[in-house]
Amino acid sequence: MSLIGASDIQSEQSVLGAVFLDQDVLDEISYLEARDFSTVRHQTIYKVMRYLHDLNKPVDLVTVSNEYNKFGQLDKEDVDYFSQLADSCPTAANASHYAQAVRSKAMRRRGIQAAEEIKQLSQQEFDSDEDYFAKVEELIADLRPTDTGKMKSFKETRKDYFAHLNQQAEVIGTGFKKYDDWAKGLWRGWLFVSAGRPSVGKTALLLQRSYGVAQQNQGAVLIYSQEMDENEVKDRMISSAAGVNYRKLIEKRLSDNEYARVEEMYEKLEDLPIFIQDSAGVTIDEIRATAKQFKRQYGKIAMIAVDYLQIMSIPQKKSETRSQAIGRVTSAAKQLARELNCCFMMLSQMSRESEKKTEPQLSDLKESGSIEQDADVVEFLWHDPNDYVQEGKVIQQLFSKGRNIGVNRFRLCFRGWRQNFTELNDR
């Protein structure tokens, strides 16, 4: 059965004919892609038309014919066909209607084609199931058209703006009072990057925040741990939340009283929407697929947390640098945060050069690429040996970038023996 009907061809002819009547129609239907046309001839004609229009050249029978000839031998049949297109559309007024029909039909054709390709993929061998899922998701993502958006006036968007103005800002508390008083919490739609050198407690702070966010009952908290298994993550979180000595917990030397406190805390954690995945080399496609599944199941996602960026599975495309590949991941993470209306928190390494400075800068993000550009918030954690308290190690917390909140700094005390941070007064 043919995937192309007579009505499909007629809609495409009407679109191309409308352009011959008024080339400014191309601005109105800018969302239409060459691949949306069902025949190679129509695809080529549309490419030529858009090419000429982008160069501010006239789009008519003569210019299109001359440019079309560069793609192959132009014969009399082609010239006659161009004339038929110009005559087939009495008015350019309905061009947008026909263009929408062309795009809608194109998406259906691509859906059928993708289904056939997925069928073929299912018969191939892959290194892992995740590689198979990633390829399938790539095919599905290609179905979606590339929209260029639409400029809107203040008058058109008045209702939407005041609806937005009358809504409370969507923020989620973290349990850190000084930070929450300043930033109001974690903002939905954020890509939050937390960076530091080894041994400053990045993971411990991430888990403590995850626990604090989960307590707000604002949606699921998804934690991706790539260096520690699930039980190690639980050890750290329970040590922090229950105040149990971390060393004694991992060495299985708990007293009866401490064991009871662990059981009590575990029961509390069971009631919280915290989910942990402990697989190494997670991909951004896998995170996206899982997060969307949880969104459907639980209605809301509060936070996605990844520990950490540089050890994710990030394949490089041909002629692509490692920094550019990482940039693709951070850009996708930011897009996912906006799409799912959650906070995407991502840990990141810092370069060795940062150790030579008195305090870190955005350029110290390892393989920074687009990290500092994509992130809404960048937090640096580092230990200042000249600043100390008896209770534990002092960690400087510097917010070098903060969309909607600005920049700031705090002093934290990290008690490694119980994997816990507390806020200190400014020195």
Protein backbone atom coordinates (compact mmCIF):
# COMPACT_ATOMS: atom_id res chain seq x y z
CA MET A 1 0.00 0.00 0.00
CA SER A 2 1.41 3.41 -0.97
CA LEU A 3 2.16 5.84 1.83
CA ILE A 4 1.53 8.78 -0.50
CA GLY A 5 -2.03 9.67 -1.49
CA ALA A 6 -3.35 11.98 -4.17
CA SER A 7 -4.39 14.51 -1.51
CA ASP A 8 -0.81 14.59 -0.18
CA ILE A 9 0.52 15.52 -3.64
CA GLN A 10 -2.20 18.14 -4.11
CA SER A 11 -1.41 19.80 -0.76
CA GLU A 12 2.28 19.92 -1.64
CA GLN A 13 1.53 21.37 -5.08
CA SER A 14 -0.66 24.03 -3.46
CA VAL A 15 2.15 25.04 -1.10
CA LEU A 16 4.75 25.30 -3.88
CA GLY A 17 2.27 27.08 -6.16
CA ALA A 18 1.51 29.61 -3.42
CA VAL A 19 5.22 30.43 -3.17
CA PHE A 20 5.34 31.16 -6.90
CA LEU A 21 2.45 33.58 -6.36
CA ASP A 22 3.97 35.27 -3.31
CA GLN A 23 7.44 34.29 -2.10
CA ASP A 24 6.81 35.98 1.27
CA VAL A 25 4.69 32.92 2.03
CA LEU A 26 8.02 31.22 2.85
CA ASP A 27 8.26 33.36 5.99
CA GLU A 28 4.80 32.27 7.07
CA ILE A 29 5.57 28.55 6.60
CA SER A 30 9.17 28.63 7.86
CA TYR A 31 8.45 25.59 10.06
CA LEU A 32 8.09 23.39 6.96
CA GLU A 33 11.14 21.23 6.21
CA ALA A 34 12.23 19.87 2.83
CA ARG A 35 11.87 16.33 4.19
CA ASP A 36 8.16 17.01 4.77
CA PHE A 37 7.53 16.71 1.02
CA SER A 38 6.81 13.23 -0.25
CA THR A 39 8.73 13.29 -3.55
CA VAL A 40 12.35 14.13 -4.35
CA ARG A 41 11.20 16.61 -6.99
CA HIS A 42 9.08 18.54 -4.48
CA GLN A 43 11.85 18.42 -1.89
CA THR A 44 14.33 19.87 -4.37
CA ILE A 45 11.96 22.60 -5.52
CA TYR A 46 11.32 23.65 -1.90
CA LYS A 47 15.06 23.69 -1.12
CA VAL A 48 15.69 25.89 -4.14
CA MET A 49 12.88 28.26 -3.22
CA ARG A 50 14.09 28.64 0.36
CA TYR A 51 17.70 29.04 -0.77
CA LEU A 52 16.79 31.88 -3.13
CA HIS A 53 14.54 33.53 -0.56
CA ASP A 54 17.25 33.41 2.13
CA LEU A 55 19.58 35.21 -0.31
CA ASN A 56 16.90 37.89 -0.88
CA LYS A 57 16.60 36.86 -4.51
CA PRO A 58 13.31 36.64 -6.40
CA VAL A 59 11.54 33.28 -6.42
CA ASP A 60 9.89 32.84 -9.81
CA LEU A 61 9.79 30.38 -12.70
CA VAL A 62 13.06 31.65 -14.20
CA THR A 63 15.16 31.76 -11.01
CA VAL A 64 13.84 28.44 -9.70
CA SER A 65 14.46 26.77 -13.07
CA ASN A 66 18.04 28.07 -13.25
CA GLU A 67 18.87 27.04 -9.69
CA TYR A 68 17.07 23.71 -10.00
CA ASN A 69 19.26 22.87 -12.99
CA LYS A 70 22.28 22.77 -10.65
CA PHE A 71 20.79 19.71 -8.96
CA GLY A 72 20.57 17.78 -12.25
CA GLN A 73 19.54 18.01 -15.86
CA LEU A 74 16.57 20.30 -16.29
CA ASP A 75 14.25 19.05 -19.00
CA LYS A 76 11.09 20.38 -20.63
CA GLU A 77 8.96 18.22 -18.35
CA ASP A 78 10.39 20.00 -15.30
CA VAL A 79 9.77 23.44 -16.79
CA ASP A 80 6.20 22.48 -17.68
CA TYR A 81 5.69 21.17 -14.16
CA PHE A 82 6.84 24.45 -12.60
CA SER A 83 4.27 26.27 -14.74
CA GLN A 84 1.57 23.83 -13.62
CA LEU A 85 2.46 24.52 -9.99
CA ALA A 86 2.11 28.25 -10.49
CA ASP A 87 -1.28 27.75 -12.14
CA SER A 88 -2.52 25.14 -9.63
CA CYS A 89 -2.95 27.61 -6.77
CA PRO A 90 -5.40 30.48 -7.35
CA THR A 91 -4.38 32.32 -4.16
CA ALA A 92 -1.55 32.31 -1.67
CA ALA A 93 -3.92 33.06 1.21
CA ASN A 94 -4.37 29.41 2.19
CA ALA A 95 -0.70 28.44 2.07
CA SER A 96 -0.43 27.94 5.84
CA HIS A 97 -3.40 25.56 5.84
CA TYR A 98 -1.86 23.41 3.12
CA ALA A 99 1.56 23.54 4.79
CA GLN A 100 0.10 22.19 8.03
CA ALA A 101 -1.48 19.34 6.09
CA VAL A 102 1.86 18.58 4.40
CA ARG A 103 3.69 18.47 7.73
CA SER A 104 1.03 16.33 9.40
CA LYS A 105 1.15 13.75 6.61
CA ALA A 106 4.95 13.78 6.68
CA MET A 107 5.03 12.93 10.39
CA ARG A 108 2.78 9.93 9.77
CA ARG A 109 5.01 8.70 6.97
CA ARG A 110 8.08 9.08 9.18
CA GLY A 111 6.26 7.20 11.94
CA ILE A 112 5.64 4.24 9.64
CA GLN A 113 9.23 4.35 8.41
CA ALA A 114 10.55 4.51 11.99
CA ALA A 115 8.42 1.50 12.92
CA GLU A 116 10.04 -0.49 10.10
CA GLU A 117 13.52 0.60 11.17
CA ILE A 118 12.80 -0.35 14.80
CA LYS A 119 11.65 -3.75 13.59
CA GLN A 120 14.98 -4.18 11.80
CA LEU A 121 16.94 -2.94 14.82
CA SER A 122 15.22 -5.51 16.99
CA GLN A 123 16.84 -8.24 14.92
CA GLN A 124 20.36 -6.82 15.31
CA GLU A 125 22.93 -7.42 18.05
CA PHE A 126 23.86 -4.62 20.46
CA ASP A 127 26.50 -4.44 23.17
CA SER A 128 23.78 -3.76 25.72
CA ASP A 129 20.04 -3.17 26.00
CA GLU A 130 20.75 0.50 26.69
CA ASP A 131 22.51 0.83 23.31
CA TYR A 132 19.40 -0.62 21.68
CA PHE A 133 17.08 1.75 23.61
CA ALA A 134 19.28 4.73 22.73
CA LYS A 135 19.04 3.91 19.03
CA VAL A 136 15.27 3.49 19.22
CA GLU A 137 14.90 6.79 21.08
CA GLU A 138 17.05 8.49 18.44
CA LEU A 139 14.65 7.30 15.73
CA ILE A 140 11.61 8.44 17.72
CA ALA A 141 13.15 11.84 18.42
CA ASP A 142 13.71 12.31 14.69
CA LEU A 143 9.94 12.14 14.14
CA ARG A 144 9.36 15.45 15.85
CA PRO A 145 9.45 18.46 13.50
CA THR A 146 11.95 21.25 13.95
CA ASP A 147 9.82 24.25 14.97
CA THR A 148 11.28 27.73 14.76
CA GLY A 149 8.77 29.18 17.23
CA LYS A 150 6.48 32.15 16.72
CA MET A 151 7.02 35.75 17.64
CA LYS A 152 4.15 37.02 19.80
CA SER A 153 3.09 40.52 20.80
CA PHE A 154 2.27 41.71 24.33
CA LYS A 155 -1.39 41.91 23.29
CA GLU A 156 -1.51 38.26 22.20
CA THR A 157 0.07 37.01 25.42
CA ARG A 158 -1.61 39.24 28.02
CA LYS A 159 -3.76 36.45 29.46
CA ASP A 160 -0.84 34.02 29.73
CA TYR A 161 1.38 36.64 31.37
CA PHE A 162 -1.05 37.56 34.15
CA ALA A 163 -1.81 33.89 34.78
CA HIS A 164 1.95 33.46 35.23
CA LEU A 165 2.14 36.55 37.46
CA ASN A 166 -0.57 35.25 39.79
CA GLN A 167 1.15 31.91 40.30
CA GLN A 168 3.61 31.30 43.09
CA ALA A 169 7.20 30.82 41.97
CA GLU A 170 7.81 27.07 41.76
CA VAL A 171 10.62 26.44 44.20
CA ILE A 172 11.45 23.46 46.41
CA GLY A 173 13.08 23.77 49.83
CA THR A 174 16.37 21.96 50.46
CA GLY A 175 16.55 21.95 54.26
CA PHE A 176 19.50 24.39 54.29
CA LYS A 177 17.98 27.44 55.95
CA LYS A 178 20.50 30.11 54.93
CA TYR A 179 20.43 28.97 51.33
CA ASP A 180 16.62 28.63 51.25
CA ASP A 181 16.16 32.09 52.80
CA TRP A 182 18.34 33.54 50.06
CA ALA A 183 17.38 31.53 46.95
CA LYS A 184 13.94 30.35 48.18
CA GLY A 185 15.05 26.79 47.34
CA LEU A 186 15.68 24.96 44.10
CA TRP A 187 13.77 26.42 41.16
CA ARG A 188 11.96 24.13 38.76
CA GLY A 189 13.48 24.24 35.29
CA TRP A 190 17.00 24.76 36.63
CA LEU A 191 20.15 22.98 35.56
CA PHE A 192 22.14 23.16 38.81
CA VAL A 193 25.84 22.28 38.56
CA SER A 194 27.74 21.55 41.78
CA ALA A 195 31.51 21.38 41.25
CA GLY A 196 34.48 20.64 43.44
CA ARG A 197 37.75 18.77 43.73
CA PRO A 198 37.79 15.30 45.36
CA SER A 199 37.12 14.95 49.11
CA VAL A 200 35.11 18.16 49.60
CA GLY A 201 31.86 16.22 50.10
CA LYS A 202 30.07 16.84 46.79
CA THR A 203 28.22 13.53 46.93
CA ALA A 204 27.34 13.92 50.62
CA LEU A 205 25.88 17.37 49.97
CA LEU A 206 23.94 16.05 46.97
CA LEU A 207 22.41 13.23 49.04
CA GLN A 208 21.58 15.54 51.94
CA ARG A 209 19.85 17.90 49.54
CA SER A 210 17.99 15.00 47.93
CA TYR A 211 16.66 14.00 51.33
CA GLY A 212 15.63 17.59 52.08
CA VAL A 213 13.87 17.97 48.72
CA ALA A 214 12.04 14.65 49.05
CA GLN A 215 10.63 15.77 52.41
CA GLN A 216 8.83 18.67 50.70
CA ASN A 217 6.44 16.25 48.92
CA GLN A 218 6.90 18.07 45.62
CA GLY A 219 7.52 15.05 43.40
CA ALA A 220 9.90 12.17 42.84
CA VAL A 221 13.65 12.50 43.41
CA LEU A 222 15.73 10.41 41.00
CA ILE A 223 19.36 9.76 41.97
CA TYR A 224 21.87 8.33 39.49
CA SER A 225 24.96 7.02 41.26
CA GLN A 226 27.76 5.93 38.93
CA GLU A 227 30.59 5.27 41.41
CA MET A 228 28.76 3.78 44.40
CA ASP A 229 26.26 0.96 44.52
CA GLU A 230 22.78 1.40 45.94
CA ASN A 231 23.67 0.28 49.47
CA GLU A 232 26.65 2.65 49.65
CA VAL A 233 24.33 5.52 48.72
CA LYS A 234 21.91 4.44 51.44
CA ASP A 235 24.76 4.18 53.97
CA ARG A 236 25.69 7.80 53.39
CA MET A 237 22.14 9.10 53.37
CA ILE A 238 21.16 7.22 56.53
CA SER A 239 24.35 8.23 58.35
CA SER A 240 23.58 11.88 57.59
CA ALA A 241 19.85 11.77 58.35
CA ALA A 242 20.03 9.54 61.46
CA GLY A 243 23.24 11.00 62.90
CA VAL A 244 24.89 7.57 62.99
CA ASN A 245 28.68 7.25 62.76
CA TYR A 246 29.46 6.50 59.12
CA ARG A 247 32.55 4.42 59.82
CA LYS A 248 30.76 2.22 62.32
CA LEU A 249 27.85 1.80 59.92
CA ILE A 250 29.94 0.62 56.96
CA GLU A 251 32.12 -1.58 59.21
CA LYS A 252 28.95 -3.15 60.68
CA ARG A 253 29.89 -2.18 64.27
CA LEU A 254 26.62 -0.53 65.28
CA SER A 255 25.35 -0.73 68.84
CA ASP A 256 21.78 -1.87 69.45
CA ASN A 257 20.71 1.73 69.93
CA GLU A 258 22.38 2.84 66.70
CA TYR A 259 20.89 -0.09 64.79
CA ALA A 260 17.44 0.91 66.04
CA ARG A 261 18.02 4.47 64.81
CA VAL A 262 18.99 3.12 61.38
CA GLU A 263 15.80 1.05 61.23
CA GLU A 264 13.71 4.04 62.27
CA MET A 265 15.31 6.26 59.61
CA TYR A 266 14.93 3.60 56.94
CA GLU A 267 11.20 3.46 57.64
CA LYS A 268 11.00 7.24 57.19
CA LEU A 269 12.93 7.03 53.91
CA GLU A 270 10.57 4.31 52.69
CA ASP A 271 7.75 6.86 52.82
CA LEU A 272 9.68 9.39 50.70
CA PRO A 273 9.68 9.41 46.86
CA ILE A 274 13.44 8.76 46.55
CA PHE A 275 14.62 6.40 43.80
CA ILE A 276 18.21 5.28 43.21
CA GLN A 277 19.91 3.77 40.16
CA ASP A 278 23.48 2.60 40.63
CA SER A 279 24.63 1.85 37.07
CA ALA A 280 27.90 3.16 35.67
CA GLY A 281 28.06 5.06 32.39
CA VAL A 282 24.48 6.25 32.32
CA THR A 283 23.40 8.14 29.19
CA ILE A 284 21.33 11.28 28.95
CA ASP A 285 18.89 9.37 26.72
CA GLU A 286 18.39 6.78 29.46
CA ILE A 287 17.82 9.51 32.03
CA ARG A 288 15.28 11.20 29.76
CA ALA A 289 13.34 7.98 29.15
CA THR A 290 13.27 7.03 32.84
CA ALA A 291 12.32 10.53 33.97
CA LYS A 292 9.41 10.69 31.53
CA GLN A 293 8.21 7.31 32.79
CA PHE A 294 8.30 8.54 36.40
CA LYS A 295 6.52 11.75 35.39
CA ARG A 296 3.66 9.69 33.96
CA GLN A 297 3.57 7.48 37.03
CA TYR A 298 3.94 10.06 39.81
CA GLY A 299 2.69 13.24 38.15
CA LYS A 300 5.64 15.36 39.26
CA ILE A 301 9.40 15.13 39.43
CA ALA A 302 11.10 17.39 41.94
CA MET A 303 14.72 16.68 41.15
CA ILE A 304 17.01 14.57 38.98
CA ALA A 305 20.49 14.15 40.46
CA VAL A 306 23.52 12.76 38.60
CA ASP A 307 26.82 11.90 40.28
CA TYR A 308 28.69 12.90 38.16
CA LEU A 309 28.83 14.44 34.65
CA GLN A 310 32.29 13.48 33.41
CA ILE A 311 31.81 9.72 33.92
CA MET A 312 28.52 9.52 32.08
CA SER A 313 28.54 7.60 28.80
CA ILE A 314 29.04 10.45 26.31
CA PRO A 315 29.90 9.17 22.82
CA GLN A 316 31.64 11.66 20.56
CA LYS A 317 30.34 12.21 17.06
CA LYS A 318 32.68 12.42 14.11
CA SER A 319 34.93 15.51 14.27
CA GLU A 320 33.48 16.39 17.68
CA THR A 321 35.66 17.28 20.66
CA ARG A 322 35.11 15.86 24.14
CA SER A 323 34.09 19.33 25.33
CA GLN A 324 31.50 19.63 22.56
CA ALA A 325 30.12 16.17 23.39
CA ILE A 326 29.73 17.16 27.04
CA GLY A 327 28.03 20.34 25.86
CA ARG A 328 25.40 18.24 24.10
CA VAL A 329 24.67 16.48 27.40
CA THR A 330 24.38 19.65 29.47
CA SER A 331 22.16 21.22 26.82
CA ALA A 332 19.91 18.13 26.84
CA ALA A 333 19.84 18.17 30.66
CA LYS A 334 18.72 21.79 30.67
CA GLN A 335 16.04 21.03 28.08
CA LEU A 336 14.83 18.08 30.17
CA ALA A 337 14.64 20.24 33.31
CA ARG A 338 12.38 22.69 31.49
CA GLU A 339 10.31 20.00 29.79
CA LEU A 340 9.63 18.09 33.03
CA ASN A 341 9.52 21.25 35.19
CA CYS A 342 12.06 19.91 37.68
CA CYS A 343 15.53 20.74 38.94
CA PHE A 344 18.33 18.79 37.24
CA MET A 345 21.29 18.69 39.64
CA MET A 346 24.56 17.54 38.17
CA LEU A 347 27.88 17.10 39.93
CA SER A 348 31.00 18.09 38.01
CA GLN A 349 34.74 17.86 38.42
CA MET A 350 37.02 20.86 38.57
CA SER A 351 40.33 21.13 36.76
CA ARG A 352 43.62 20.67 38.63
CA GLU A 353 44.50 24.27 37.81
CA SER A 354 41.82 25.40 40.24
CA GLU A 355 43.97 24.19 43.14
CA LYS A 356 46.47 26.97 42.39
CA LYS A 357 43.87 29.69 42.93
CA THR A 358 42.52 31.25 46.07
CA GLU A 359 38.98 30.54 44.88
CA PRO A 360 37.54 28.82 41.79
CA GLN A 361 36.13 30.50 38.69
CA LEU A 362 33.68 29.32 36.03
CA SER A 363 36.58 28.49 33.73
CA ASP A 364 37.74 25.90 36.31
CA LEU A 365 34.87 23.56 35.43
CA LYS A 366 36.57 20.50 33.92
CA GLU A 367 35.93 20.26 30.17
CA SER A 368 33.70 23.25 30.71
CA GLY A 369 32.54 23.68 27.10
CA SER A 370 28.88 24.62 27.44
CA ILE A 371 28.53 23.74 31.14
CA GLU A 372 28.80 27.30 32.40
CA GLN A 373 26.58 28.53 29.54
CA ASP A 374 23.82 25.93 29.96
CA ALA A 375 23.72 25.92 33.76
CA ASP A 376 21.29 28.19 35.59
CA VAL A 377 23.27 27.83 38.80
CA VAL A 378 26.93 26.95 39.29
CA GLU A 379 28.08 26.15 42.80
CA PHE A 380 31.73 25.61 43.76
CA LEU A 381 32.79 23.74 46.89
CA TRP A 382 36.35 23.95 48.15
CA HIS A 383 38.30 23.61 51.37
CA ASP A 384 40.19 26.62 52.69
CA PRO A 385 42.92 25.29 55.03
CA ASN A 386 43.06 28.69 56.74
CA ASP A 387 39.44 28.43 57.84
CA TYR A 388 38.53 25.78 60.40
CA VAL A 389 36.20 24.90 63.25
CA GLN A 390 36.52 22.17 65.86
CA GLU A 391 33.37 20.33 64.72
CA GLY A 392 34.65 19.44 61.24
CA LYS A 393 36.13 20.60 57.93
CA VAL A 394 35.07 24.04 56.69
CA ILE A 395 33.87 23.98 53.10
CA GLN A 396 33.46 27.24 51.23
CA GLN A 397 30.31 27.31 49.12
CA LEU A 398 30.49 29.85 46.29
CA PHE A 399 27.62 30.50 43.92
CA SER A 400 29.38 31.95 40.85
CA LYS A 401 26.29 31.98 38.67
CA GLY A 402 22.66 32.16 39.70
CA ARG A 403 19.79 32.81 37.34
CA ASN A 404 17.11 34.82 39.19
CA ILE A 405 19.08 34.65 42.45
CA GLY A 406 22.46 36.28 41.74
CA VAL A 407 25.74 35.24 43.34
CA ASN A 408 26.55 34.55 46.98
CA ARG A 409 28.76 32.56 49.30
CA PHE A 410 28.26 30.50 52.46
CA ARG A 411 30.43 28.59 54.91
CA LEU A 412 29.57 24.97 55.57
CA CYS A 413 30.88 22.54 58.14
CA PHE A 414 31.35 19.03 56.78
CA ARG A 415 31.31 16.32 59.43
CA GLY A 416 32.72 13.43 57.45
CA TRP A 417 32.15 10.99 60.31
CA ARG A 418 28.41 11.33 59.72
CA GLN A 419 28.36 12.53 56.07
CA ASN A 420 26.54 15.67 57.08
CA PHE A 421 26.76 19.40 56.33
CA THR A 422 25.62 22.27 58.53
CA GLU A 423 25.63 25.97 57.72
CA LEU A 424 28.03 28.20 59.65
CA ASN A 425 27.90 31.87 60.40
CA ASP A 426 29.89 34.14 58.11
CA ARG A 427 33.39 34.70 59.33
